[in-house]
Each structure stands twice: as C-alpha cells, then as structure tokens.
Amino acid sequence: MTTVSVVVPNLNGVHYLPTCLDALRRQTYPPLEVVVVDNGSTDGSLALLASDYPEVRVVSHSTNHGVARAFNDGIRVSGGSIVVLLNNDTEAEPTWLEELIRPLDADPGLAMTTSKVLLFDRRSILHSAGDFYGRDGMPGNRGVWQEDRGQFDHDLDPFGACGAAAAYRRALFDEIGLFDEMLGSYCEDVDLSWRARLAGHGCRFAPRARVYHRLSATGGGPMSSFFVGRNVIWVLAKDLPTALIRKYWPKILARQVSIALEAARHWLEPAARARLRGQVAGLRGIGAVLARRAEVQRRRCVSIAALDAYLT
C-alpha cells in the first residue's frame, strides 16, 4: 500500500482547521500521517491541535517563515513515499486522497498530481483544475471562476500542480530539491512545477479528487499582491529557458508594463501599491535569483519545443 503523508501549513487558522482535519479523518484512503506546520499562530491553533487532534504531528515555528518553508519542514519530517500538500482553509471530499494518488499508483513515471479545487461557498465554481503558464510569463489556475461543467475532466495534462491541494512523489524532491524558500509565499508551486518540467516530469489532473477552498481565508490582500508581483519576476528569471525568453520577451515585457500601469492607475488602493513594490523588489533582487538559474537550467533534459507546447 502506498504511504501518503499530508502536510498542512497553518497560520492563525483555528477557525478553519477543524473542517480541514475532520475531512482528513473521513478519507477512504487513510494517510500514514498528517503533519501541521504552524507558522507562529497566536490564535489558539496549537492548543486546538493538542486537545482535539492528538494524532496530528505538529511542527511549530515561533514566527511566520512563509509557505515554502512550511511545506519543506513538513516534507522533511514526514515519512510517506507520496507527500500531499493541503491548505488549512479547505474541505476535502471523502474520496479526495484516494482519487488524488490513483494516477501515481497507475503510472510509476508520474511525479505529481493536482486536485479539482472548487470554491467553498459556491461549490459548482472552479478555483483550479491545475496550473497553466502563459507565454506572457504569467501563471494562473485553469478554469478559475468558471462553472464546473466537466470541461477539464478529460484535459488531464496541465502545466503544473496547484499547491493548495497537490500530491508529489518524494523521489521528485530528492531529485530536483524542495520548494524555494527564497520565494516565501506565492508562486512557490509554480517554481517547483517548472523545475519538474525541465527535469522531464509530468503532472496529472485528477478531476475526481475534489476539495473546497475558502479563498484568501489565511492570506490575500496587499501581502499577496506584493509577493505575486515579486515572485512572478523571480520565477521568470530562474526557470524560463533562454530560448523561450528570446521568443516571448515582447509579451513578457508588455504584460509587466501593463500590470505596473494598471497598479499606478489605482495607486490609492493598498493592493495596487503593494503590487508595484513587489515588481520593484523583483527587479532589485534578480541578481540572487540569476545565481540559481544555471543550476536549474542544467537539469533540463527535454526539448524547448516540448516545454513550449505547455505554454498558453
């Protein structure tokens, strides 16, 4: 039987954890373990875990180190051959885990799977059917805000996995490394998907692995705008092969300029100012990112044409 560890990052999620963890208790495929990595919660999360969920393994940080660090610490202490990442503000259907790992059991060469993520309060509306990556350098969720009519149920080969509810072989981390903690939060899953694709590993969408997500329950706002503005640039600089940068740089530049102009037009809004600050931080910090680029690109074992085919 395949062993599965579920890693749940948490920051002041005391009101969300019971829904998430109770759903994990009801899984038809019981995980080997559930690991909650707490990023300095001050809302009683740790007391709740100790009193109501003694079976959960807890990794506790005194401060918030970001989602990438939480994922990595959970992966390091877990023992399953498959590691599943799950946001704390979710509710998984009872067959979610069984369906999520089914493709990995069926195909030993597959490295990661991604769930069908739907809105918690509007359960027929998609949030993600896996990740796409645009030729303009912008990542996104397939099907976001669309009514789920099964339109992606036979399109099983997305660019990458949405880290809100995704499964990864431990062997993948052994090969390409863990999440990049320099990114902190946001786009850390996109970066990992790029590194996996460069190394020749695919992703499978599991449409019957359904999970419901409270959007921005433990994030969002100016903070997310800053990190997205910064990290989109860093992922571009680190992961996109040179041939694709040369091919698509006009689209990439135009999109970044468009984002900056739109943010400038809404300067009075905190999220817009944060997005601009994020873009500036991305450019200022690009030297440290480029220092990692050579190592990432050295792992590429697939053709540029094959990678290009996954861009939208």
C-alpha atoms as a PDB file:
ATOM      1  CA  MET A   1       0.000   0.000   0.000  1.00  0.00           C
ATOM      2  CA  THR A   2       1.346   3.410  -0.985  1.00  0.00           C
ATOM      3  CA  THR A   3       2.188   5.501   2.061  1.00  0.00           C
ATOM      4  CA  VAL A   4       0.928   9.073   1.997  1.00  0.00           C
ATOM      5  CA  SER A   5       1.825  11.973   4.259  1.00  0.00           C
ATOM      6  CA  VAL A   6      -0.440  15.030   4.238  1.00  0.00           C
ATOM      7  CA  VAL A   7       1.253  18.342   5.075  1.00  0.00           C
ATOM      8  CA  VAL A   8      -0.944  21.274   6.131  1.00  0.00           C
ATOM      9  CA  PRO A   9       0.618  24.731   6.631  1.00  0.00           C
ATOM     10  CA  ASN A  10      -1.170  26.847   9.220  1.00  0.00           C
ATOM     11  CA  LEU A  11      -1.131  30.479  10.306  1.00  0.00           C
ATOM     12  CA  ASN A  12      -3.882  31.566  12.702  1.00  0.00           C
ATOM     13  CA  GLY A  13      -6.275  29.057  11.191  1.00  0.00           C
ATOM     14  CA  VAL A  14      -8.022  27.923  14.371  1.00  0.00           C
ATOM     15  CA  HIS A  15     -11.437  28.510  12.770  1.00  0.00           C
ATOM     16  CA  TYR A  16     -10.534  26.518   9.647  1.00  0.00           C
ATOM     17  CA  LEU A  17      -8.501  23.601  10.970  1.00  0.00           C
ATOM     18  CA  PRO A  18     -11.454  21.551  12.317  1.00  0.00           C
ATOM     19  CA  THR A  19     -13.126  21.474   8.890  1.00  0.00           C
ATOM     20  CA  CYS A  20      -9.855  20.553   7.196  1.00  0.00           C
ATOM     21  CA  LEU A  21      -8.708  17.914   9.690  1.00  0.00           C
ATOM     22  CA  ASP A  22     -12.132  16.350  10.214  1.00  0.00           C
ATOM     23  CA  ALA A  23     -12.334  15.837   6.446  1.00  0.00           C
ATOM     24  CA  LEU A  24      -8.948  14.100   6.531  1.00  0.00           C
ATOM     25  CA  ARG A  25     -10.248  11.775   9.243  1.00  0.00           C
ATOM     26  CA  ARG A  26     -13.065  10.736   6.884  1.00  0.00           C
ATOM     27  CA  GLN A  27     -10.822   9.781   3.959  1.00  0.00           C
ATOM     28  CA  THR A  28     -11.475   6.423   2.307  1.00  0.00           C
ATOM     29  CA  TYR A  29      -7.699   6.156   1.850  1.00  0.00           C
ATOM     30  CA  PRO A  30      -6.297   6.967   5.285  1.00  0.00           C
ATOM     31  CA  PRO A  31      -2.979   8.814   5.195  1.00  0.00           C
ATOM     32  CA  LEU A  32       0.024   7.440   7.018  1.00  0.00           C
ATOM     33  CA  GLU A  33       0.192  10.734   8.907  1.00  0.00           C
ATOM     34  CA  VAL A  34      -0.989  14.314   8.936  1.00  0.00           C
ATOM     35  CA  VAL A  35       1.632  16.969   9.634  1.00  0.00           C
ATOM     36  CA  VAL A  36       0.561  20.506  10.516  1.00  0.00           C
ATOM     37  CA  VAL A  37       3.326  23.082  10.231  1.00  0.00           C
ATOM     38  CA  ASP A  38       2.382  26.121  12.285  1.00  0.00           C
ATOM     39  CA  ASN A  39       3.913  29.447  11.279  1.00  0.00           C
ATOM     40  CA  GLY A  40       3.731  31.303  14.587  1.00  0.00           C
ATOM     41  CA  SER A  41      -0.026  31.265  15.214  1.00  0.00           C
ATOM     42  CA  THR A  42      -1.308  33.339  18.120  1.00  0.00           C
ATOM     43  CA  ASP A  43      -4.986  32.361  17.895  1.00  0.00           C
ATOM     44  CA  GLY A  44      -5.014  29.095  19.839  1.00  0.00           C
ATOM     45  CA  SER A  45      -4.269  26.812  16.885  1.00  0.00           C
ATOM     46  CA  LEU A  46      -1.650  24.842  18.814  1.00  0.00           C
ATOM     47  CA  ALA A  47      -3.956  24.327  21.795  1.00  0.00           C
ATOM     48  CA  LEU A  48      -6.710  23.106  19.471  1.00  0.00           C
ATOM     49  CA  LEU A  49      -4.374  20.627  17.812  1.00  0.00           C
ATOM     50  CA  ALA A  50      -3.145  19.305  21.155  1.00  0.00           C
ATOM     51  CA  SER A  51      -6.632  18.866  22.606  1.00  0.00           C
ATOM     52  CA  ASP A  52      -8.738  17.754  19.623  1.00  0.00           C
ATOM     53  CA  TYR A  53      -6.282  16.235  17.151  1.00  0.00           C
ATOM     54  CA  PRO A  54      -3.666  14.297  19.132  1.00  0.00           C
ATOM     55  CA  GLU A  55      -2.931  12.085  16.124  1.00  0.00           C
ATOM     56  CA  VAL A  56      -1.614  15.069  14.138  1.00  0.00           C
ATOM     57  CA  ARG A  57       2.111  15.646  14.099  1.00  0.00           C
ATOM     58  CA  VAL A  58       2.861  19.312  14.751  1.00  0.00           C
ATOM     59  CA  VAL A  59       5.894  21.302  13.667  1.00  0.00           C
ATOM     60  CA  SER A  60       5.795  24.667  15.415  1.00  0.00           C
ATOM     61  CA  HIS A  61       7.599  27.849  14.405  1.00  0.00           C
ATOM     62  CA  SER A  62       7.764  30.934  16.575  1.00  0.00           C
ATOM     63  CA  THR A  63       7.397  33.254  13.564  1.00  0.00           C
ATOM     64  CA  ASN A  64       5.986  33.106  10.046  1.00  0.00           C
ATOM     65  CA  HIS A  65       8.660  31.817   7.687  1.00  0.00           C
ATOM     66  CA  GLY A  66       6.369  31.584   4.652  1.00  0.00           C
ATOM     67  CA  VAL A  67       4.551  28.786   2.910  1.00  0.00           C
ATOM     68  CA  ALA A  68       7.608  27.379   1.111  1.00  0.00           C
ATOM     69  CA  ARG A  69       9.447  26.859   4.413  1.00  0.00           C
ATOM     70  CA  ALA A  70       6.325  25.303   5.959  1.00  0.00           C
ATOM     71  CA  PHE A  71       5.991  22.889   3.063  1.00  0.00           C
ATOM     72  CA  ASN A  72       9.661  21.957   3.296  1.00  0.00           C
ATOM     73  CA  ASP A  73       9.639  21.379   7.039  1.00  0.00           C
ATOM     74  CA  GLY A  74       6.592  19.170   6.671  1.00  0.00           C
ATOM     75  CA  ILE A  75       8.211  17.213   3.865  1.00  0.00           C
ATOM     76  CA  ARG A  76      11.412  16.756   5.874  1.00  0.00           C
ATOM     77  CA  VAL A  77       9.722  15.246   8.929  1.00  0.00           C
ATOM     78  CA  SER A  78       7.164  13.152   7.036  1.00  0.00           C
ATOM     79  CA  GLY A  79       7.674   9.547   6.084  1.00  0.00           C
ATOM     80  CA  GLY A  80       5.311   8.804   3.195  1.00  0.00           C
ATOM     81  CA  SER A  81       6.539   7.898  -0.267  1.00  0.00           C
ATOM     82  CA  ILE A  82       3.999  10.433  -1.525  1.00  0.00           C
ATOM     83  CA  VAL A  83       3.666  13.864   0.058  1.00  0.00           C
ATOM     84  CA  VAL A  84       0.340  15.655  -0.281  1.00  0.00           C
ATOM     85  CA  LEU A  85       0.111  19.392   0.370  1.00  0.00           C
ATOM     86  CA  LEU A  86      -3.206  20.812   1.513  1.00  0.00           C
ATOM     87  CA  ASN A  87      -4.235  24.321   2.535  1.00  0.00           C
ATOM     88  CA  ASN A  88      -5.698  24.644   6.018  1.00  0.00           C
ATOM     89  CA  ASP A  89      -8.781  26.506   4.713  1.00  0.00           C
ATOM     90  CA  THR A  90     -10.101  23.566   2.699  1.00  0.00           C
ATOM     91  CA  GLU A  91     -12.568  20.708   2.996  1.00  0.00           C
ATOM     92  CA  ALA A  92     -11.761  17.562   1.033  1.00  0.00           C
ATOM     93  CA  GLU A  93     -14.386  15.081  -0.122  1.00  0.00           C
ATOM     94  CA  PRO A  94     -14.029  11.614   1.487  1.00  0.00           C
ATOM     95  CA  THR A  95     -12.580  10.072  -1.691  1.00  0.00           C
ATOM     96  CA  TRP A  96     -10.253  13.007  -2.393  1.00  0.00           C
ATOM     97  CA  LEU A  97      -6.999  11.382  -1.305  1.00  0.00           C
ATOM     98  CA  GLU A  98      -7.831   8.070  -2.946  1.00  0.00           C
ATOM     99  CA  GLU A  99      -8.524   9.799  -6.257  1.00  0.00           C
ATOM    100  CA  LEU A 100      -5.525  12.126  -5.987  1.00  0.00           C
ATOM    101  CA  ILE A 101      -2.987   9.317  -5.666  1.00  0.00           C
ATOM    102  CA  ARG A 102      -4.703   6.932  -8.108  1.00  0.00           C
ATOM    103  CA  PRO A 103      -2.767   8.272 -11.140  1.00  0.00           C
ATOM    104  CA  LEU A 104       0.518   7.938  -9.243  1.00  0.00           C
ATOM    105  CA  ASP A 105      -0.239   4.307  -8.443  1.00  0.00           C
ATOM    106  CA  ALA A 106      -1.159   3.650 -12.072  1.00  0.00           C
ATOM    107  CA  ASP A 107       1.894   5.346 -13.601  1.00  0.00           C
ATOM    108  CA  PRO A 108       5.220   4.906 -11.780  1.00  0.00           C
ATOM    109  CA  GLY A 109       6.784   7.528 -14.049  1.00  0.00           C
ATOM    110  CA  LEU A 110       4.392  10.259 -12.964  1.00  0.00           C
ATOM    111  CA  ALA A 111       5.730  12.760 -10.421  1.00  0.00           C
ATOM    112  CA  MET A 112       2.778  14.906  -9.318  1.00  0.00           C
ATOM    113  CA  THR A 113      -0.998  15.194  -9.390  1.00  0.00           C
ATOM    114  CA  THR A 114      -3.316  18.126  -8.837  1.00  0.00           C
ATOM    115  CA  SER A 115      -6.842  18.306  -7.460  1.00  0.00           C
ATOM    116  CA  LYS A 116     -10.058  19.834  -8.717  1.00  0.00           C
ATOM    117  CA  VAL A 117     -10.321  22.815  -6.366  1.00  0.00           C
ATOM    118  CA  LEU A 118     -13.760  24.433  -6.054  1.00  0.00           C
ATOM    119  CA  LEU A 119     -14.986  27.406  -4.056  1.00  0.00           C
ATOM    120  CA  PHE A 120     -16.050  26.567  -0.518  1.00  0.00           C
ATOM    121  CA  ASP A 121     -19.192  28.693  -0.590  1.00  0.00           C
ATOM    122  CA  ARG A 122     -20.098  28.133  -4.270  1.00  0.00           C
ATOM    123  CA  ARG A 123     -19.285  24.506  -4.835  1.00  0.00           C
ATOM    124  CA  SER A 124     -20.010  24.427  -8.545  1.00  0.00           C
ATOM    125  CA  ILE A 125     -17.410  27.153  -9.276  1.00  0.00           C
ATOM    126  CA  LEU A 126     -13.831  26.203 -10.092  1.00  0.00           C
ATOM    127  CA  HIS A 127     -10.819  27.725  -8.457  1.00  0.00           C
ATOM    128  CA  SER A 128      -8.258  25.414 -10.072  1.00  0.00           C
ATOM    129  CA  ALA A 129      -8.071  22.467 -12.423  1.00  0.00           C
ATOM    130  CA  GLY A 130      -4.290  22.582 -12.272  1.00  0.00           C
ATOM    131  CA  ASP A 131      -1.932  25.413 -13.205  1.00  0.00           C
ATOM    132  CA  PHE A 132      -1.218  26.945 -16.592  1.00  0.00           C
ATOM    133  CA  TYR A 133       1.752  29.097 -17.561  1.00  0.00           C
ATOM    134  CA  GLY A 134       1.301  31.844 -20.133  1.00  0.00           C
ATOM    135  CA  ARG A 135       3.603  32.910 -22.926  1.00  0.00           C
ATOM    136  CA  ASP A 136       3.496  36.332 -21.271  1.00  0.00           C
ATOM    137  CA  GLY A 137       5.196  34.870 -18.209  1.00  0.00           C
ATOM    138  CA  MET A 138       2.081  34.850 -16.032  1.00  0.00           C
ATOM    139  CA  PRO A 139       0.964  31.696 -14.205  1.00  0.00           C
ATOM    140  CA  GLY A 140      -2.633  31.003 -13.311  1.00  0.00           C
ATOM    141  CA  ASN A 141      -5.299  28.491 -12.362  1.00  0.00           C
ATOM    142  CA  ARG A 142      -7.065  26.669 -15.165  1.00  0.00           C
ATOM    143  CA  GLY A 143     -10.795  27.324 -15.121  1.00  0.00           C
ATOM    144  CA  VAL A 144     -10.717  29.895 -12.331  1.00  0.00           C
ATOM    145  CA  TRP A 145     -14.193  31.391 -11.678  1.00  0.00           C
ATOM    146  CA  GLN A 146     -15.800  29.113 -14.285  1.00  0.00           C
ATOM    147  CA  GLU A 147     -18.833  26.958 -13.633  1.00  0.00           C
ATOM    148  CA  ASP A 148     -17.625  23.366 -13.404  1.00  0.00           C
ATOM    149  CA  ARG A 149     -19.292  21.576 -16.294  1.00  0.00           C
ATOM    150  CA  GLY A 150     -16.585  18.921 -16.568  1.00  0.00           C
ATOM    151  CA  GLN A 151     -14.819  20.967 -19.252  1.00  0.00           C
ATOM    152  CA  PHE A 152     -11.389  19.990 -17.895  1.00  0.00           C
ATOM    153  CA  ASP A 153     -12.193  16.420 -16.882  1.00  0.00           C
ATOM    154  CA  HIS A 154     -10.561  14.984 -19.996  1.00  0.00           C
ATOM    155  CA  ASP A 155      -7.755  17.540 -20.214  1.00  0.00           C
ATOM    156  CA  LEU A 156      -5.518  15.735 -17.775  1.00  0.00           C
ATOM    157  CA  ASP A 157      -2.097  17.174 -18.599  1.00  0.00           C
ATOM    158  CA  PRO A 158      -1.801  20.694 -17.147  1.00  0.00           C
ATOM    159  CA  PHE A 159       1.470  22.571 -16.922  1.00  0.00           C
ATOM    160  CA  GLY A 160       1.696  22.055 -13.178  1.00  0.00           C
ATOM    161  CA  ALA A 161       0.053  21.402  -9.838  1.00  0.00           C
ATOM    162  CA  CYS A 162      -1.772  23.932  -7.693  1.00  0.00           C
ATOM    163  CA  GLY A 163      -0.090  23.663  -4.291  1.00  0.00           C
ATOM    164  CA  ALA A 164      -3.364  24.227  -2.427  1.00  0.00           C
ATOM    165  CA  ALA A 165      -4.133  20.516  -2.895  1.00  0.00           C
ATOM    166  CA  ALA A 166      -1.475  18.516  -4.719  1.00  0.00           C
ATOM    167  CA  ALA A 167       0.492  15.271  -4.429  1.00  0.00           C
ATOM    168  CA  TYR A 168       4.201  14.766  -5.135  1.00  0.00           C
ATOM    169  CA  ARG A 169       6.443  11.737  -5.121  1.00  0.00           C
ATOM    170  CA  ARG A 170       9.143  12.087  -2.505  1.00  0.00           C
ATOM    171  CA  ALA A 171      11.589  10.954  -5.178  1.00  0.00           C
ATOM    172  CA  LEU A 172      10.859  14.173  -7.073  1.00  0.00           C
ATOM    173  CA  PHE A 173      12.095  16.272  -4.155  1.00  0.00           C
ATOM    174  CA  ASP A 174      15.148  14.037  -3.844  1.00  0.00           C
ATOM    175  CA  GLU A 175      15.942  14.741  -7.484  1.00  0.00           C
ATOM    176  CA  ILE A 176      15.164  18.434  -8.008  1.00  0.00           C
ATOM    177  CA  GLY A 177      15.109  19.787  -4.462  1.00  0.00           C
ATOM    178  CA  LEU A 178      12.412  21.161  -2.203  1.00  0.00           C
ATOM    179  CA  PHE A 179      10.392  24.350  -2.540  1.00  0.00           C
ATOM    180  CA  ASP A 180      12.463  27.500  -2.960  1.00  0.00           C
ATOM    181  CA  GLU A 181      12.310  29.265   0.403  1.00  0.00           C
ATOM    182  CA  MET A 182      13.606  32.460  -1.165  1.00  0.00           C
ATOM    183  CA  LEU A 183      10.119  32.884  -2.664  1.00  0.00           C
ATOM    184  CA  GLY A 184       8.481  32.767   0.762  1.00  0.00           C
ATOM    185  CA  SER A 185       4.825  32.532  -0.232  1.00  0.00           C
ATOM    186  CA  TYR A 186       3.045  32.566  -3.601  1.00  0.00           C
ATOM    187  CA  CYS A 187       4.355  31.044  -6.851  1.00  0.00           C
ATOM    188  CA  GLU A 188       6.459  28.530  -4.921  1.00  0.00           C
ATOM    189  CA  ASP A 189       4.344  25.778  -6.521  1.00  0.00           C
ATOM    190  CA  VAL A 190       4.812  27.301  -9.994  1.00  0.00           C
ATOM    191  CA  ASP A 191       8.578  27.310  -9.497  1.00  0.00           C
ATOM    192  CA  LEU A 192       8.516  23.652  -8.464  1.00  0.00           C
ATOM    193  CA  SER A 193       6.373  22.744 -11.480  1.00  0.00           C
ATOM    194  CA  TRP A 194       8.876  24.475 -13.765  1.00  0.00           C
ATOM    195  CA  ARG A 195      11.797  22.622 -12.229  1.00  0.00           C
ATOM    196  CA  ALA A 196       9.918  19.334 -12.543  1.00  0.00           C
ATOM    197  CA  ARG A 197       9.050  20.015 -16.192  1.00  0.00           C
ATOM    198  CA  LEU A 198      12.637  20.948 -17.000  1.00  0.00           C
ATOM    199  CA  ALA A 199      13.745  17.623 -15.495  1.00  0.00           C
ATOM    200  CA  GLY A 200      11.238  15.735 -17.634  1.00  0.00           C
ATOM    201  CA  HIS A 201       8.484  15.080 -15.095  1.00  0.00           C
ATOM    202  CA  GLY A 202       4.799  15.457 -15.825  1.00  0.00           C
ATOM    203  CA  CYS A 203       1.701  16.434 -13.894  1.00  0.00           C
ATOM    204  CA  ARG A 204      -1.744  14.804 -13.988  1.00  0.00           C
ATOM    205  CA  PHE A 205      -5.060  16.447 -13.192  1.00  0.00           C
ATOM    206  CA  ALA A 206      -7.280  14.193 -11.041  1.00  0.00           C
ATOM    207  CA  PRO A 207     -10.811  15.535 -11.698  1.00  0.00           C
ATOM    208  CA  ARG A 208     -12.494  13.301  -9.134  1.00  0.00           C
ATOM    209  CA  ALA A 209     -10.150  14.469  -6.369  1.00  0.00           C
ATOM    210  CA  ARG A 210     -12.381  17.326  -5.235  1.00  0.00           C
ATOM    211  CA  VAL A 211     -11.596  19.814  -2.499  1.00  0.00           C
ATOM    212  CA  TYR A 212     -13.377  23.015  -1.479  1.00  0.00           C
ATOM    213  CA  HIS A 213     -11.334  26.115  -0.739  1.00  0.00           C
ATOM    214  CA  ARG A 214     -12.091  29.271   1.235  1.00  0.00           C
ATOM    215  CA  LEU A 215     -10.241  31.789  -0.890  1.00  0.00           C
ATOM    216  CA  SER A 216      -7.829  34.128   0.919  1.00  0.00           C
ATOM    217  CA  ALA A 217      -9.016  32.939   4.325  1.00  0.00           C
ATOM    218  CA  THR A 218      -5.449  32.955   5.635  1.00  0.00           C
ATOM    219  CA  GLY A 219      -3.795  35.199   3.051  1.00  0.00           C
ATOM    220  CA  GLY A 220      -4.613  37.672   0.315  1.00  0.00           C
ATOM    221  CA  GLY A 221      -4.728  41.472   0.237  1.00  0.00           C
ATOM    222  CA  PRO A 222      -1.636  43.684  -0.109  1.00  0.00           C
ATOM    223  CA  MET A 223       0.647  40.937   1.201  1.00  0.00           C
ATOM    224  CA  SER A 224      -0.255  38.556  -1.614  1.00  0.00           C
ATOM    225  CA  SER A 225      -0.106  41.367  -4.181  1.00  0.00           C
ATOM    226  CA  PHE A 226       3.469  42.153  -3.145  1.00  0.00           C
ATOM    227  CA  PHE A 227       4.670  38.547  -3.223  1.00  0.00           C
ATOM    228  CA  VAL A 228       2.967  37.776  -6.531  1.00  0.00           C
ATOM    229  CA  GLY A 229       4.436  40.934  -8.094  1.00  0.00           C
ATOM    230  CA  ARG A 230       7.907  39.945  -6.929  1.00  0.00           C
ATOM    231  CA  ASN A 231       7.806  36.199  -7.370  1.00  0.00           C
ATOM    232  CA  VAL A 232       6.405  36.171 -10.909  1.00  0.00           C
ATOM    233  CA  ILE A 233       9.565  38.035 -11.952  1.00  0.00           C
ATOM    234  CA  TRP A 234      11.816  35.724  -9.962  1.00  0.00           C
ATOM    235  CA  VAL A 235      10.267  32.579 -11.439  1.00  0.00           C
ATOM    236  CA  LEU A 236      10.746  34.020 -14.926  1.00  0.00           C
ATOM    237  CA  ALA A 237      14.377  34.835 -14.241  1.00  0.00           C
ATOM    238  CA  LYS A 238      15.139  31.475 -12.690  1.00  0.00           C
ATOM    239  CA  ASP A 239      13.109  28.928 -14.640  1.00  0.00           C
ATOM    240  CA  LEU A 240      12.231  30.065 -18.153  1.00  0.00           C
ATOM    241  CA  PRO A 241      14.773  28.701 -20.649  1.00  0.00           C
ATOM    242  CA  THR A 242      16.735  31.281 -22.602  1.00  0.00           C
ATOM    243  CA  ALA A 243      15.225  30.215 -25.927  1.00  0.00           C
ATOM    244  CA  LEU A 244      11.707  30.855 -24.603  1.00  0.00           C
ATOM    245  CA  ILE A 245      12.711  34.214 -23.119  1.00  0.00           C
ATOM    246  CA  ARG A 246      14.084  35.245 -26.518  1.00  0.00           C
ATOM    247  CA  LYS A 247      10.900  34.065 -28.219  1.00  0.00           C
ATOM    248  CA  TYR A 248       8.391  35.639 -25.863  1.00  0.00           C
ATOM    249  CA  TRP A 249      10.177  38.621 -24.303  1.00  0.00           C
ATOM    250  CA  PRO A 250       7.887  41.170 -26.041  1.00  0.00           C
ATOM    251  CA  LYS A 251       4.807  39.515 -24.499  1.00  0.00           C
ATOM    252  CA  ILE A 252       6.525  39.206 -21.117  1.00  0.00           C
ATOM    253  CA  LEU A 253       7.640  42.838 -21.065  1.00  0.00           C
ATOM    254  CA  ALA A 254       4.271  44.098 -22.280  1.00  0.00           C
ATOM    255  CA  ARG A 255       2.464  42.199 -19.540  1.00  0.00           C
ATOM    256  CA  GLN A 256       4.706  43.523 -16.784  1.00  0.00           C
ATOM    257  CA  VAL A 257       4.348  47.086 -18.063  1.00  0.00           C
ATOM    258  CA  SER A 258       0.576  46.626 -18.273  1.00  0.00           C
ATOM    259  CA  ILE A 259       0.438  45.401 -14.680  1.00  0.00           C
ATOM    260  CA  ALA A 260       2.539  48.348 -13.498  1.00  0.00           C
ATOM    261  CA  LEU A 261       0.382  50.888 -15.358  1.00  0.00           C
ATOM    262  CA  GLU A 262      -2.818  49.351 -14.037  1.00  0.00           C
ATOM    263  CA  ALA A 263      -1.441  49.449 -10.497  1.00  0.00           C
ATOM    264  CA  ALA A 264      -0.377  53.065 -10.968  1.00  0.00           C
ATOM    265  CA  ARG A 265      -3.908  53.989 -12.076  1.00  0.00           C
ATOM    266  CA  HIS A 266      -5.216  52.534  -8.801  1.00  0.00           C
ATOM    267  CA  TRP A 267      -2.455  53.995  -6.642  1.00  0.00           C
ATOM    268  CA  LEU A 268      -4.800  54.826  -3.768  1.00  0.00           C
ATOM    269  CA  GLU A 269      -5.575  51.135  -3.277  1.00  0.00           C
ATOM    270  CA  PRO A 270      -3.139  49.355  -0.922  1.00  0.00           C
ATOM    271  CA  ALA A 271      -3.045  46.191  -3.050  1.00  0.00           C
ATOM    272  CA  ALA A 272      -2.072  48.188  -6.147  1.00  0.00           C
ATOM    273  CA  ARG A 273       0.786  49.927  -4.351  1.00  0.00           C
ATOM    274  CA  ALA A 274       1.914  46.573  -2.976  1.00  0.00           C
ATOM    275  CA  ARG A 275       1.959  45.063  -6.469  1.00  0.00           C
ATOM    276  CA  LEU A 276       4.218  47.858  -7.700  1.00  0.00           C
ATOM    277  CA  ARG A 277       6.515  47.430  -4.702  1.00  0.00           C
ATOM    278  CA  GLY A 278       6.643  43.737  -5.486  1.00  0.00           C
ATOM    279  CA  GLN A 279       7.694  44.375  -9.074  1.00  0.00           C
ATOM    280  CA  VAL A 280      10.424  46.735  -7.892  1.00  0.00           C
ATOM    281  CA  ALA A 281      11.607  44.183  -5.323  1.00  0.00           C
ATOM    282  CA  GLY A 282      11.640  41.541  -8.030  1.00  0.00           C
ATOM    283  CA  LEU A 283      13.942  43.609 -10.213  1.00  0.00           C
ATOM    284  CA  ARG A 284      16.186  44.621  -7.334  1.00  0.00           C
ATOM    285  CA  GLY A 285      16.614  41.045  -6.174  1.00  0.00           C
ATOM    286  CA  ILE A 286      17.054  39.488  -9.569  1.00  0.00           C
ATOM    287  CA  GLY A 287      20.812  39.058  -9.150  1.00  0.00           C
ATOM    288  CA  ALA A 288      20.420  36.497  -6.375  1.00  0.00           C
ATOM    289  CA  VAL A 289      17.841  34.634  -8.452  1.00  0.00           C
ATOM    290  CA  LEU A 290      20.027  34.559 -11.536  1.00  0.00           C
ATOM    291  CA  ALA A 291      22.771  32.985  -9.426  1.00  0.00           C
ATOM    292  CA  ARG A 292      20.490  29.946  -9.102  1.00  0.00           C
ATOM    293  CA  ARG A 293      19.450  29.898 -12.736  1.00  0.00           C
ATOM    294  CA  ALA A 294      22.408  27.926 -14.072  1.00  0.00           C
ATOM    295  CA  GLU A 295      21.773  25.025 -11.701  1.00  0.00           C
ATOM    296  CA  VAL A 296      18.082  24.878 -12.617  1.00  0.00           C
ATOM    297  CA  GLN A 297      18.672  25.064 -16.358  1.00  0.00           C
ATOM    298  CA  ARG A 298      21.424  22.465 -16.176  1.00  0.00           C
ATOM    299  CA  ARG A 299      18.774  19.898 -15.202  1.00  0.00           C
ATOM    300  CA  ARG A 300      16.823  20.389 -18.405  1.00  0.00           C
ATOM    301  CA  CYS A 301      16.513  17.107 -20.280  1.00  0.00           C
ATOM    302  CA  VAL A 302      13.526  17.881 -22.526  1.00  0.00           C
ATOM    303  CA  SER A 303      13.369  19.891 -25.723  1.00  0.00           C
ATOM    304  CA  ILE A 304      12.423  23.541 -25.898  1.00  0.00           C
ATOM    305  CA  ALA A 305       9.610  22.562 -28.254  1.00  0.00           C
ATOM    306  CA  ALA A 306       8.169  20.178 -25.659  1.00  0.00           C
ATOM    307  CA  LEU A 307       8.238  22.885 -22.986  1.00  0.00           C
ATOM    308  CA  ASP A 308       6.805  25.467 -25.366  1.00  0.00           C
ATOM    309  CA  ALA A 309       3.854  23.171 -26.044  1.00  0.00           C
ATOM    310  CA  TYR A 310       2.744  23.540 -22.397  1.00  0.00           C
ATOM    311  CA  LEU A 311       2.632  27.327 -22.531  1.00  0.00           C
ATOM    312  CA  THR A 312      -0.675  29.021 -23.272  1.00  0.00           C
END
